[in-house]
mmCIF file of all heavy atoms, coordinates in Angstrom:
data_MODEL
# 
_entry.id   MODEL 
# 
loop_
_atom_site.group_PDB 
_atom_site.id 
_atom_site.type_symbol 
_atom_site.label_atom_id 
_atom_site.label_alt_id 
_atom_site.label_comp_id 
_atom_site.label_asym_id 
_atom_site.label_entity_id 
_atom_site.label_seq_id 
_atom_site.pdbx_PDB_ins_code 
_atom_site.Cartn_x 
_atom_site.Cartn_y 
_atom_site.Cartn_z 
_atom_site.occupancy 
_atom_site.B_iso_or_equiv 
_atom_site.pdbx_formal_charge 
_atom_site.auth_seq_id 
_atom_site.auth_comp_id 
_atom_site.auth_asym_id 
_atom_site.auth_atom_id 
_atom_site.pdbx_PDB_model_num 
ATOM 1   N N   . LEU A 1 1  ? 14.217  -22.901 2.215   1.00 0.00 ? 1  LEU A N   1 
ATOM 2   C CA  . LEU A 1 1  ? 13.476  -21.741 2.647   1.00 0.00 ? 1  LEU A CA  1 
ATOM 3   C C   . LEU A 1 1  ? 12.885  -21.995 4.032   1.00 0.00 ? 1  LEU A C   1 
ATOM 4   O O   . LEU A 1 1  ? 12.461  -23.114 4.342   1.00 0.00 ? 1  LEU A O   1 
ATOM 5   C CB  . LEU A 1 1  ? 12.353  -21.439 1.671   1.00 0.00 ? 1  LEU A CB  1 
ATOM 6   C CG  . LEU A 1 1  ? 12.791  -21.049 0.234   1.00 0.00 ? 1  LEU A CG  1 
ATOM 7   C CD1 . LEU A 1 1  ? 11.561  -20.905 -0.642  1.00 0.00 ? 1  LEU A CD1 1 
ATOM 8   C CD2 . LEU A 1 1  ? 13.608  -19.782 0.254   1.00 0.00 ? 1  LEU A CD2 1 
ATOM 9   N N   . THR A 1 2  ? 12.833  -20.975 4.814   1.00 0.00 ? 2  THR A N   1 
ATOM 10  C CA  . THR A 1 2  ? 12.215  -21.085 6.132   1.00 0.00 ? 2  THR A CA  1 
ATOM 11  C C   . THR A 1 2  ? 10.700  -20.971 6.011   1.00 0.00 ? 2  THR A C   1 
ATOM 12  O O   . THR A 1 2  ? 10.187  -20.667 4.946   1.00 0.00 ? 2  THR A O   1 
ATOM 13  C CB  . THR A 1 2  ? 12.769  -19.991 7.071   1.00 0.00 ? 2  THR A CB  1 
ATOM 14  O OG1 . THR A 1 2  ? 12.454  -18.705 6.490   1.00 0.00 ? 2  THR A OG1 1 
ATOM 15  C CG2 . THR A 1 2  ? 14.280  -20.114 7.225   1.00 0.00 ? 2  THR A CG2 1 
ATOM 16  N N   . ASP A 1 3  ? 10.006  -21.209 7.102   1.00 0.00 ? 3  ASP A N   1 
ATOM 17  C CA  . ASP A 1 3  ? 8.536   -21.141 7.083   1.00 0.00 ? 3  ASP A CA  1 
ATOM 18  C C   . ASP A 1 3  ? 8.078   -19.718 6.787   1.00 0.00 ? 3  ASP A C   1 
ATOM 19  O O   . ASP A 1 3  ? 7.090   -19.488 6.075   1.00 0.00 ? 3  ASP A O   1 
ATOM 20  C CB  . ASP A 1 3  ? 7.974   -21.604 8.446   1.00 0.00 ? 3  ASP A CB  1 
ATOM 21  C CG  . ASP A 1 3  ? 8.266   -23.071 8.660   1.00 0.00 ? 3  ASP A CG  1 
ATOM 22  O OD1 . ASP A 1 3  ? 8.490   -23.788 7.650   1.00 0.00 ? 3  ASP A OD1 1 
ATOM 23  O OD2 . ASP A 1 3  ? 8.253   -23.498 9.825   1.00 0.00 ? 3  ASP A OD2 1 
ATOM 24  N N   . GLU A 1 4  ? 8.799   -18.730 7.348   1.00 0.00 ? 4  GLU A N   1 
ATOM 25  C CA  . GLU A 1 4  ? 8.414   -17.343 7.132   1.00 0.00 ? 4  GLU A CA  1 
ATOM 26  C C   . GLU A 1 4  ? 8.576   -16.966 5.671   1.00 0.00 ? 4  GLU A C   1 
ATOM 27  O O   . GLU A 1 4  ? 7.758   -16.263 5.093   1.00 0.00 ? 4  GLU A O   1 
ATOM 28  C CB  . GLU A 1 4  ? 9.264   -16.423 8.016   1.00 0.00 ? 4  GLU A CB  1 
ATOM 29  C CG  . GLU A 1 4  ? 8.991   -16.615 9.504   1.00 0.00 ? 4  GLU A CG  1 
ATOM 30  C CD  . GLU A 1 4  ? 9.847   -15.705 10.347  1.00 0.00 ? 4  GLU A CD  1 
ATOM 31  O OE1 . GLU A 1 4  ? 10.691  -15.001 9.741   1.00 0.00 ? 4  GLU A OE1 1 
ATOM 32  O OE2 . GLU A 1 4  ? 9.686   -15.691 11.571  1.00 0.00 ? 4  GLU A OE2 1 
ATOM 33  N N   . THR A 1 5  ? 9.691   -17.451 5.022   1.00 0.00 ? 5  THR A N   1 
ATOM 34  C CA  . THR A 1 5  ? 9.910   -17.125 3.630   1.00 0.00 ? 5  THR A CA  1 
ATOM 35  C C   . THR A 1 5  ? 8.843   -17.745 2.755   1.00 0.00 ? 5  THR A C   1 
ATOM 36  O O   . THR A 1 5  ? 8.340   -17.140 1.827   1.00 0.00 ? 5  THR A O   1 
ATOM 37  C CB  . THR A 1 5  ? 11.296  -17.616 3.202   1.00 0.00 ? 5  THR A CB  1 
ATOM 38  O OG1 . THR A 1 5  ? 12.280  -17.102 4.091   1.00 0.00 ? 5  THR A OG1 1 
ATOM 39  C CG2 . THR A 1 5  ? 11.616  -17.162 1.785   1.00 0.00 ? 5  THR A CG2 1 
ATOM 40  N N   . GLU A 1 6  ? 8.498   -19.043 3.055   1.00 0.00 ? 6  GLU A N   1 
ATOM 41  C CA  . GLU A 1 6  ? 7.466   -19.717 2.266   1.00 0.00 ? 6  GLU A CA  1 
ATOM 42  C C   . GLU A 1 6  ? 6.108   -19.014 2.407   1.00 0.00 ? 6  GLU A C   1 
ATOM 43  O O   . GLU A 1 6  ? 5.392   -18.839 1.443   1.00 0.00 ? 6  GLU A O   1 
ATOM 44  C CB  . GLU A 1 6  ? 7.365   -21.171 2.711   1.00 0.00 ? 6  GLU A CB  1 
ATOM 45  C CG  . GLU A 1 6  ? 8.596   -22.002 2.324   1.00 0.00 ? 6  GLU A CG  1 
ATOM 46  C CD  . GLU A 1 6  ? 8.445   -23.447 2.764   1.00 0.00 ? 6  GLU A CD  1 
ATOM 47  O OE1 . GLU A 1 6  ? 7.438   -23.723 3.423   1.00 0.00 ? 6  GLU A OE1 1 
ATOM 48  O OE2 . GLU A 1 6  ? 9.346   -24.230 2.458   1.00 0.00 ? 6  GLU A OE2 1 
ATOM 49  N N   . SER A 1 7  ? 5.761   -18.652 3.624   1.00 0.00 ? 7  SER A N   1 
ATOM 50  C CA  . SER A 1 7  ? 4.464   -18.018 3.853   1.00 0.00 ? 7  SER A CA  1 
ATOM 51  C C   . SER A 1 7  ? 4.402   -16.663 3.158   1.00 0.00 ? 7  SER A C   1 
ATOM 52  O O   . SER A 1 7  ? 3.383   -16.310 2.561   1.00 0.00 ? 7  SER A O   1 
ATOM 53  C CB  . SER A 1 7  ? 4.196   -17.847 5.359   1.00 0.00 ? 7  SER A CB  1 
ATOM 54  O OG  . SER A 1 7  ? 5.208   -17.018 5.930   1.00 0.00 ? 7  SER A OG  1 
ATOM 55  N N   . SER A 1 8  ? 5.510   -15.914 3.175   1.00 0.00 ? 8  SER A N   1 
ATOM 56  C CA  . SER A 1 8  ? 5.514   -14.621 2.534   1.00 0.00 ? 8  SER A CA  1 
ATOM 57  C C   . SER A 1 8  ? 5.405   -14.761 0.998   1.00 0.00 ? 8  SER A C   1 
ATOM 58  O O   . SER A 1 8  ? 4.696   -14.010 0.334   1.00 0.00 ? 8  SER A O   1 
ATOM 59  C CB  . SER A 1 8  ? 6.775   -13.838 2.876   1.00 0.00 ? 8  SER A CB  1 
ATOM 60  O OG  . SER A 1 8  ? 7.934   -14.542 2.450   1.00 0.00 ? 8  SER A OG  1 
ATOM 61  N N   . SER A 1 9  ? 6.101   -15.771 0.450   1.00 0.00 ? 9  SER A N   1 
ATOM 62  C CA  . SER A 1 9  ? 6.035   -16.002 -1.005  1.00 0.00 ? 9  SER A CA  1 
ATOM 63  C C   . SER A 1 9  ? 4.640   -16.436 -1.414  1.00 0.00 ? 9  SER A C   1 
ATOM 64  O O   . SER A 1 9  ? 4.112   -16.018 -2.430  1.00 0.00 ? 9  SER A O   1 
ATOM 65  C CB  . SER A 1 9  ? 7.055   -17.052 -1.414  1.00 0.00 ? 9  SER A CB  1 
ATOM 66  O OG  . SER A 1 9  ? 6.793   -18.292 -0.780  1.00 0.00 ? 9  SER A OG  1 
ATOM 67  N N   . LYS A 1 10 ? 4.003   -17.327 -0.588  1.00 0.00 ? 10 LYS A N   1 
ATOM 68  C CA  . LYS A 1 10 ? 2.640   -17.750 -0.903  1.00 0.00 ? 10 LYS A CA  1 
ATOM 69  C C   . LYS A 1 10 ? 1.667   -16.582 -0.831  1.00 0.00 ? 10 LYS A C   1 
ATOM 70  O O   . LYS A 1 10 ? 0.748   -16.465 -1.633  1.00 0.00 ? 10 LYS A O   1 
ATOM 71  C CB  . LYS A 1 10 ? 2.209   -18.858 0.053   1.00 0.00 ? 10 LYS A CB  1 
ATOM 72  C CG  . LYS A 1 10 ? 2.919   -20.187 -0.169  1.00 0.00 ? 10 LYS A CG  1 
ATOM 73  C CD  . LYS A 1 10 ? 2.437   -21.235 0.810   1.00 0.00 ? 10 LYS A CD  1 
ATOM 74  C CE  . LYS A 1 10 ? 3.151   -22.553 0.601   1.00 0.00 ? 10 LYS A CE  1 
ATOM 75  N NZ  . LYS A 1 10 ? 2.678   -23.589 1.550   1.00 0.00 ? 10 LYS A NZ  1 
ATOM 76  N N   . GLY A 1 11 ? 1.867   -15.712 0.185   1.00 0.00 ? 11 GLY A N   1 
ATOM 77  C CA  . GLY A 1 11 ? 1.008   -14.539 0.309   1.00 0.00 ? 11 GLY A CA  1 
ATOM 78  C C   . GLY A 1 11 ? 1.117   -13.630 -0.904  1.00 0.00 ? 11 GLY A C   1 
ATOM 79  O O   . GLY A 1 11 ? 0.133   -13.096 -1.398  1.00 0.00 ? 11 GLY A O   1 
ATOM 80  N N   . LYS A 1 12 ? 2.350   -13.457 -1.399  1.00 0.00 ? 12 LYS A N   1 
ATOM 81  C CA  . LYS A 1 12 ? 2.516   -12.610 -2.595  1.00 0.00 ? 12 LYS A CA  1 
ATOM 82  C C   . LYS A 1 12 ? 1.857   -13.228 -3.808  1.00 0.00 ? 12 LYS A C   1 
ATOM 83  O O   . LYS A 1 12 ? 1.273   -12.531 -4.635  1.00 0.00 ? 12 LYS A O   1 
ATOM 84  C CB  . LYS A 1 12 ? 4.025   -12.396 -2.850  1.00 0.00 ? 12 LYS A CB  1 
ATOM 85  C CG  . LYS A 1 12 ? 4.703   -11.547 -1.801  1.00 0.00 ? 12 LYS A CG  1 
ATOM 86  C CD  . LYS A 1 12 ? 6.170   -11.353 -2.109  1.00 0.00 ? 12 LYS A CD  1 
ATOM 87  C CE  . LYS A 1 12 ? 6.865   -10.484 -1.077  1.00 0.00 ? 12 LYS A CE  1 
ATOM 88  N NZ  . LYS A 1 12 ? 8.305   -10.323 -1.361  1.00 0.00 ? 12 LYS A NZ  1 
ATOM 89  N N   . ASP A 1 13 ? 1.977   -14.560 -3.943  1.00 0.00 ? 13 ASP A N   1 
ATOM 90  C CA  . ASP A 1 13 ? 1.354   -15.235 -5.094  1.00 0.00 ? 13 ASP A CA  1 
ATOM 91  C C   . ASP A 1 13 ? -0.160  -15.055 -5.051  1.00 0.00 ? 13 ASP A C   1 
ATOM 92  O O   . ASP A 1 13 ? -0.785  -14.817 -6.071  1.00 0.00 ? 13 ASP A O   1 
ATOM 93  C CB  . ASP A 1 13 ? 1.704   -16.717 -5.096  1.00 0.00 ? 13 ASP A CB  1 
ATOM 94  C CG  . ASP A 1 13 ? 3.188   -16.949 -5.340  1.00 0.00 ? 13 ASP A CG  1 
ATOM 95  O OD1 . ASP A 1 13 ? 3.824   -16.030 -5.870  1.00 0.00 ? 13 ASP A OD1 1 
ATOM 96  O OD2 . ASP A 1 13 ? 3.695   -18.030 -4.978  1.00 0.00 ? 13 ASP A OD2 1 
ATOM 97  N N   . LYS A 1 14 ? -0.776  -15.216 -3.815  1.00 0.00 ? 14 LYS A N   1 
ATOM 98  C CA  . LYS A 1 14 ? -2.195  -15.025 -3.720  1.00 0.00 ? 14 LYS A CA  1 
ATOM 99  C C   . LYS A 1 14 ? -2.634  -13.625 -4.053  1.00 0.00 ? 14 LYS A C   1 
ATOM 100 O O   . LYS A 1 14 ? -3.643  -13.378 -4.706  1.00 0.00 ? 14 LYS A O   1 
ATOM 101 C CB  . LYS A 1 14 ? -2.663  -15.390 -2.293  1.00 0.00 ? 14 LYS A CB  1 
ATOM 102 C CG  . LYS A 1 14 ? -2.574  -16.877 -2.007  1.00 0.00 ? 14 LYS A CG  1 
ATOM 103 C CD  . LYS A 1 14 ? -3.093  -17.163 -0.594  1.00 0.00 ? 14 LYS A CD  1 
ATOM 104 C CE  . LYS A 1 14 ? -3.022  -18.649 -0.287  1.00 0.00 ? 14 LYS A CE  1 
ATOM 105 N NZ  . LYS A 1 14 ? -3.492  -18.942 1.086   1.00 0.00 ? 14 LYS A NZ  1 
ATOM 106 N N   . GLU A 1 15 ? -1.837  -12.616 -3.617  1.00 0.00 ? 15 GLU A N   1 
ATOM 107 C CA  . GLU A 1 15 ? -2.178  -11.248 -3.910  1.00 0.00 ? 15 GLU A CA  1 
ATOM 108 C C   . GLU A 1 15 ? -2.115  -10.987 -5.400  1.00 0.00 ? 15 GLU A C   1 
ATOM 109 O O   . GLU A 1 15 ? -2.952  -10.273 -5.972  1.00 0.00 ? 15 GLU A O   1 
ATOM 110 C CB  . GLU A 1 15 ? -1.207  -10.303 -3.168  1.00 0.00 ? 15 GLU A CB  1 
ATOM 111 C CG  . GLU A 1 15 ? -1.418  -10.296 -1.652  1.00 0.00 ? 15 GLU A CG  1 
ATOM 112 C CD  . GLU A 1 15 ? -0.428  -9.398  -0.958  1.00 0.00 ? 15 GLU A CD  1 
ATOM 113 O OE1 . GLU A 1 15 ? 0.449   -8.842  -1.669  1.00 0.00 ? 15 GLU A OE1 1 
ATOM 114 O OE2 . GLU A 1 15 ? -0.512  -9.255  0.272   1.00 0.00 ? 15 GLU A OE2 1 
ATOM 115 N N   . GLU A 1 16 ? -1.080  -11.562 -6.092  1.00 0.00 ? 16 GLU A N   1 
ATOM 116 C CA  . GLU A 1 16 ? -0.986  -11.372 -7.527  1.00 0.00 ? 16 GLU A CA  1 
ATOM 117 C C   . GLU A 1 16 ? -2.167  -12.004 -8.246  1.00 0.00 ? 16 GLU A C   1 
ATOM 118 O O   . GLU A 1 16 ? -2.699  -11.454 -9.197  1.00 0.00 ? 16 GLU A O   1 
ATOM 119 C CB  . GLU A 1 16 ? 0.348   -11.964 -8.035  1.00 0.00 ? 16 GLU A CB  1 
ATOM 120 C CG  . GLU A 1 16 ? 1.568   -11.186 -7.550  1.00 0.00 ? 16 GLU A CG  1 
ATOM 121 C CD  . GLU A 1 16 ? 2.856   -11.834 -8.010  1.00 0.00 ? 16 GLU A CD  1 
ATOM 122 O OE1 . GLU A 1 16 ? 2.777   -12.903 -8.640  1.00 0.00 ? 16 GLU A OE1 1 
ATOM 123 O OE2 . GLU A 1 16 ? 3.941   -11.292 -7.756  1.00 0.00 ? 16 GLU A OE2 1 
ATOM 124 N N   . GLN A 1 17 ? -2.566  -13.237 -7.799  1.00 0.00 ? 17 GLN A N   1 
ATOM 125 C CA  . GLN A 1 17 ? -3.721  -13.905 -8.437  1.00 0.00 ? 17 GLN A CA  1 
ATOM 126 C C   . GLN A 1 17 ? -4.984  -13.101 -8.224  1.00 0.00 ? 17 GLN A C   1 
ATOM 127 O O   . GLN A 1 17 ? -5.802  -12.970 -9.109  1.00 0.00 ? 17 GLN A O   1 
ATOM 128 C CB  . GLN A 1 17 ? -3.856  -15.304 -7.866  1.00 0.00 ? 17 GLN A CB  1 
ATOM 129 C CG  . GLN A 1 17 ? -2.720  -16.240 -8.269  1.00 0.00 ? 17 GLN A CG  1 
ATOM 130 C CD  . GLN A 1 17 ? -2.887  -17.617 -7.642  1.00 0.00 ? 17 GLN A CD  1 
ATOM 131 O OE1 . GLN A 1 17 ? -3.852  -17.853 -6.913  1.00 0.00 ? 17 GLN A OE1 1 
ATOM 132 N NE2 . GLN A 1 17 ? -1.962  -18.517 -7.915  1.00 0.00 ? 17 GLN A NE2 1 
ATOM 133 N N   . THR A 1 18 ? -5.150  -12.566 -6.985  1.00 0.00 ? 18 THR A N   1 
ATOM 134 C CA  . THR A 1 18 ? -6.357  -11.806 -6.695  1.00 0.00 ? 18 THR A CA  1 
ATOM 135 C C   . THR A 1 18 ? -6.436  -10.549 -7.545  1.00 0.00 ? 18 THR A C   1 
ATOM 136 O O   . THR A 1 18 ? -7.475  -10.181 -8.090  1.00 0.00 ? 18 THR A O   1 
ATOM 137 C CB  . THR A 1 18 ? -6.404  -11.437 -5.213  1.00 0.00 ? 18 THR A CB  1 
ATOM 138 O OG1 . THR A 1 18 ? -6.299  -12.642 -4.428  1.00 0.00 ? 18 THR A OG1 1 
ATOM 139 C CG2 . THR A 1 18 ? -7.682  -10.695 -4.853  1.00 0.00 ? 18 THR A CG2 1 
ATOM 140 N N   . SER A 1 19 ? -5.285  -9.854  -7.686  1.00 0.00 ? 19 SER A N   1 
ATOM 141 C CA  . SER A 1 19 ? -5.287  -8.630  -8.483  1.00 0.00 ? 19 SER A CA  1 
ATOM 142 C C   . SER A 1 19 ? -5.544  -8.937  -9.942  1.00 0.00 ? 19 SER A C   1 
ATOM 143 O O   . SER A 1 19 ? -6.216  -8.203  -10.650 1.00 0.00 ? 19 SER A O   1 
ATOM 144 C CB  . SER A 1 19 ? -3.918  -7.925  -8.340  1.00 0.00 ? 19 SER A CB  1 
ATOM 145 O OG  . SER A 1 19 ? -2.882  -8.767  -8.773  1.00 0.00 ? 19 SER A OG  1 
ATOM 146 N N   . THR A 1 20 ? -4.999  -10.108 -10.435 1.00 0.00 ? 20 THR A N   1 
ATOM 147 C CA  . THR A 1 20 ? -5.233  -10.493 -11.809 1.00 0.00 ? 20 THR A CA  1 
ATOM 148 C C   . THR A 1 20 ? -6.705  -10.798 -12.067 1.00 0.00 ? 20 THR A C   1 
ATOM 149 O O   . THR A 1 20 ? -7.281  -10.386 -13.076 1.00 0.00 ? 20 THR A O   1 
ATOM 150 C CB  . THR A 1 20 ? -4.380  -11.728 -12.170 1.00 0.00 ? 20 THR A CB  1 
ATOM 151 O OG1 . THR A 1 20 ? -3.013  -11.429 -11.895 1.00 0.00 ? 20 THR A OG1 1 
ATOM 152 C CG2 . THR A 1 20 ? -4.547  -12.079 -13.663 1.00 0.00 ? 20 THR A CG2 1 
ATOM 153 N N   . GLN A 1 21 ? -7.326  -11.512 -11.097 1.00 0.00 ? 21 GLN A N   1 
ATOM 154 C CA  . GLN A 1 21 ? -8.740  -11.812 -11.248 1.00 0.00 ? 21 GLN A CA  1 
ATOM 155 C C   . GLN A 1 21 ? -9.603  -10.560 -11.168 1.00 0.00 ? 21 GLN A C   1 
ATOM 156 O O   . GLN A 1 21 ? -10.616 -10.434 -11.841 1.00 0.00 ? 21 GLN A O   1 
ATOM 157 C CB  . GLN A 1 21 ? -9.188  -12.806 -10.163 1.00 0.00 ? 21 GLN A CB  1 
ATOM 158 C CG  . GLN A 1 21 ? -8.545  -14.174 -10.329 1.00 0.00 ? 21 GLN A CG  1 
ATOM 159 C CD  . GLN A 1 21 ? -8.923  -15.113 -9.198  1.00 0.00 ? 21 GLN A CD  1 
ATOM 160 O OE1 . GLN A 1 21 ? -9.638  -14.696 -8.279  1.00 0.00 ? 21 GLN A OE1 1 
ATOM 161 N NE2 . GLN A 1 21 ? -8.457  -16.330 -9.252  1.00 0.00 ? 21 GLN A NE2 1 
ATOM 162 N N   . ALA A 1 22 ? -9.192  -9.629  -10.306 1.00 0.00 ? 22 ALA A N   1 
ATOM 163 C CA  . ALA A 1 22 ? -9.982  -8.392  -10.191 1.00 0.00 ? 22 ALA A CA  1 
ATOM 164 C C   . ALA A 1 22 ? -9.895  -7.550  -11.450 1.00 0.00 ? 22 ALA A C   1 
ATOM 165 O O   . ALA A 1 22 ? -10.846 -6.891  -11.828 1.00 0.00 ? 22 ALA A O   1 
ATOM 166 C CB  . ALA A 1 22 ? -9.509  -7.599  -8.968  1.00 0.00 ? 22 ALA A CB  1 
ATOM 167 N N   . GLU A 1 23 ? -8.717  -7.578  -12.124 1.00 0.00 ? 23 GLU A N   1 
ATOM 168 C CA  . GLU A 1 23 ? -8.529  -6.771  -13.302 1.00 0.00 ? 23 GLU A CA  1 
ATOM 169 C C   . GLU A 1 23 ? -9.178  -7.414  -14.532 1.00 0.00 ? 23 GLU A C   1 
ATOM 170 O O   . GLU A 1 23 ? -9.391  -6.774  -15.530 1.00 0.00 ? 23 GLU A O   1 
ATOM 171 C CB  . GLU A 1 23 ? -7.037  -6.579  -13.581 1.00 0.00 ? 23 GLU A CB  1 
ATOM 172 C CG  . GLU A 1 23 ? -6.357  -5.717  -12.503 1.00 0.00 ? 23 GLU A CG  1 
ATOM 173 C CD  . GLU A 1 23 ? -4.872  -5.646  -12.728 1.00 0.00 ? 23 GLU A CD  1 
ATOM 174 O OE1 . GLU A 1 23 ? -4.381  -6.300  -13.702 1.00 0.00 ? 23 GLU A OE1 1 
ATOM 175 O OE2 . GLU A 1 23 ? -4.183  -4.966  -11.960 1.00 0.00 ? 23 GLU A OE2 1 
ATOM 176 N N   . LYS A 1 24 ? -9.482  -8.735  -14.460 1.00 0.00 ? 24 LYS A N   1 
ATOM 177 C CA  . LYS A 1 24 ? -10.039 -9.429  -15.624 1.00 0.00 ? 24 LYS A CA  1 
ATOM 178 C C   . LYS A 1 24 ? -11.472 -8.947  -15.856 1.00 0.00 ? 24 LYS A C   1 
ATOM 179 O O   . LYS A 1 24 ? -12.323 -9.050  -14.996 1.00 0.00 ? 24 LYS A O   1 
ATOM 180 C CB  . LYS A 1 24 ? -10.048 -10.933 -15.372 1.00 0.00 ? 24 LYS A CB  1 
ATOM 181 C CG  . LYS A 1 24 ? -10.517 -11.728 -16.576 1.00 0.00 ? 24 LYS A CG  1 
ATOM 182 C CD  . LYS A 1 24 ? -10.445 -13.201 -16.278 1.00 0.00 ? 24 LYS A CD  1 
ATOM 183 C CE  . LYS A 1 24 ? -10.912 -13.987 -17.500 1.00 0.00 ? 24 LYS A CE  1 
ATOM 184 N NZ  . LYS A 1 24 ? -10.866 -15.467 -17.230 1.00 0.00 ? 24 LYS A NZ  1 
ATOM 185 N N   . PRO A 1 25 ? -11.774 -8.391  -17.014 1.00 0.00 ? 25 PRO A N   1 
ATOM 186 C CA  . PRO A 1 25 ? -13.132 -7.884  -17.275 1.00 0.00 ? 25 PRO A CA  1 
ATOM 187 C C   . PRO A 1 25 ? -14.105 -9.046  -17.455 1.00 0.00 ? 25 PRO A C   1 
ATOM 188 O O   . PRO A 1 25 ? -13.765 -10.127 -17.902 1.00 0.00 ? 25 PRO A O   1 
ATOM 189 C CB  . PRO A 1 25 ? -12.969 -7.083  -18.579 1.00 0.00 ? 25 PRO A CB  1 
ATOM 190 C CG  . PRO A 1 25 ? -11.781 -7.704  -19.252 1.00 0.00 ? 25 PRO A CG  1 
ATOM 191 C CD  . PRO A 1 25 ? -10.879 -8.176  -18.148 1.00 0.00 ? 25 PRO A CD  1 
ATOM 192 N N   . ARG A 1 26 ? -15.349 -8.774  -17.083 1.00 0.00 ? 26 ARG A N   1 
ATOM 193 C CA  . ARG A 1 26 ? -16.397 -9.782  -17.199 1.00 0.00 ? 26 ARG A CA  1 
ATOM 194 C C   . ARG A 1 26 ? -16.973 -9.761  -18.601 1.00 0.00 ? 26 ARG A C   1 
ATOM 195 O O   . ARG A 1 26 ? -17.203 -8.724  -19.189 1.00 0.00 ? 26 ARG A O   1 
ATOM 196 C CB  . ARG A 1 26 ? -17.504 -9.467  -16.180 1.00 0.00 ? 26 ARG A CB  1 
ATOM 197 C CG  . ARG A 1 26 ? -18.658 -10.493 -16.216 1.00 0.00 ? 26 ARG A CG  1 
ATOM 198 C CD  . ARG A 1 26 ? -19.741 -10.096 -15.255 1.00 0.00 ? 26 ARG A CD  1 
ATOM 199 N NE  . ARG A 1 26 ? -20.885 -10.957 -15.346 1.00 0.00 ? 26 ARG A NE  1 
ATOM 200 C CZ  . ARG A 1 26 ? -22.003 -10.833 -14.656 1.00 0.00 ? 26 ARG A CZ  1 
ATOM 201 N NH1 . ARG A 1 26 ? -22.120 -9.810  -13.826 1.00 0.00 ? 26 ARG A NH1 1 
ATOM 202 N NH2 . ARG A 1 26 ? -22.989 -11.673 -14.784 1.00 0.00 ? 26 ARG A NH2 1 
ATOM 203 N N   . ASP A 1 27 ? -17.180 -10.953 -19.117 1.00 0.00 ? 27 ASP A N   1 
ATOM 204 C CA  . ASP A 1 27 ? -17.764 -11.096 -20.451 1.00 0.00 ? 27 ASP A CA  1 
ATOM 205 C C   . ASP A 1 27 ? -19.268 -10.947 -20.337 1.00 0.00 ? 27 ASP A C   1 
ATOM 206 O O   . ASP A 1 27 ? -19.957 -11.807 -19.834 1.00 0.00 ? 27 ASP A O   1 
ATOM 207 C CB  . ASP A 1 27 ? -17.404 -12.472 -21.014 1.00 0.00 ? 27 ASP A CB  1 
ATOM 208 C CG  . ASP A 1 27 ? -17.816 -12.614 -22.481 1.00 0.00 ? 27 ASP A CG  1 
ATOM 209 O OD1 . ASP A 1 27 ? -18.308 -11.600 -23.039 1.00 0.00 ? 27 ASP A OD1 1 
ATOM 210 O OD2 . ASP A 1 27 ? -17.657 -13.691 -23.053 1.00 0.00 ? 27 ASP A OD2 1 
# 
């Protein structure tokens, strides 16, 4: 993978984690 591909994949992973954390309800 090129640097651009790796950076884009990492960015997508961070966005998915952020959305998952935002959707997680607080106890």
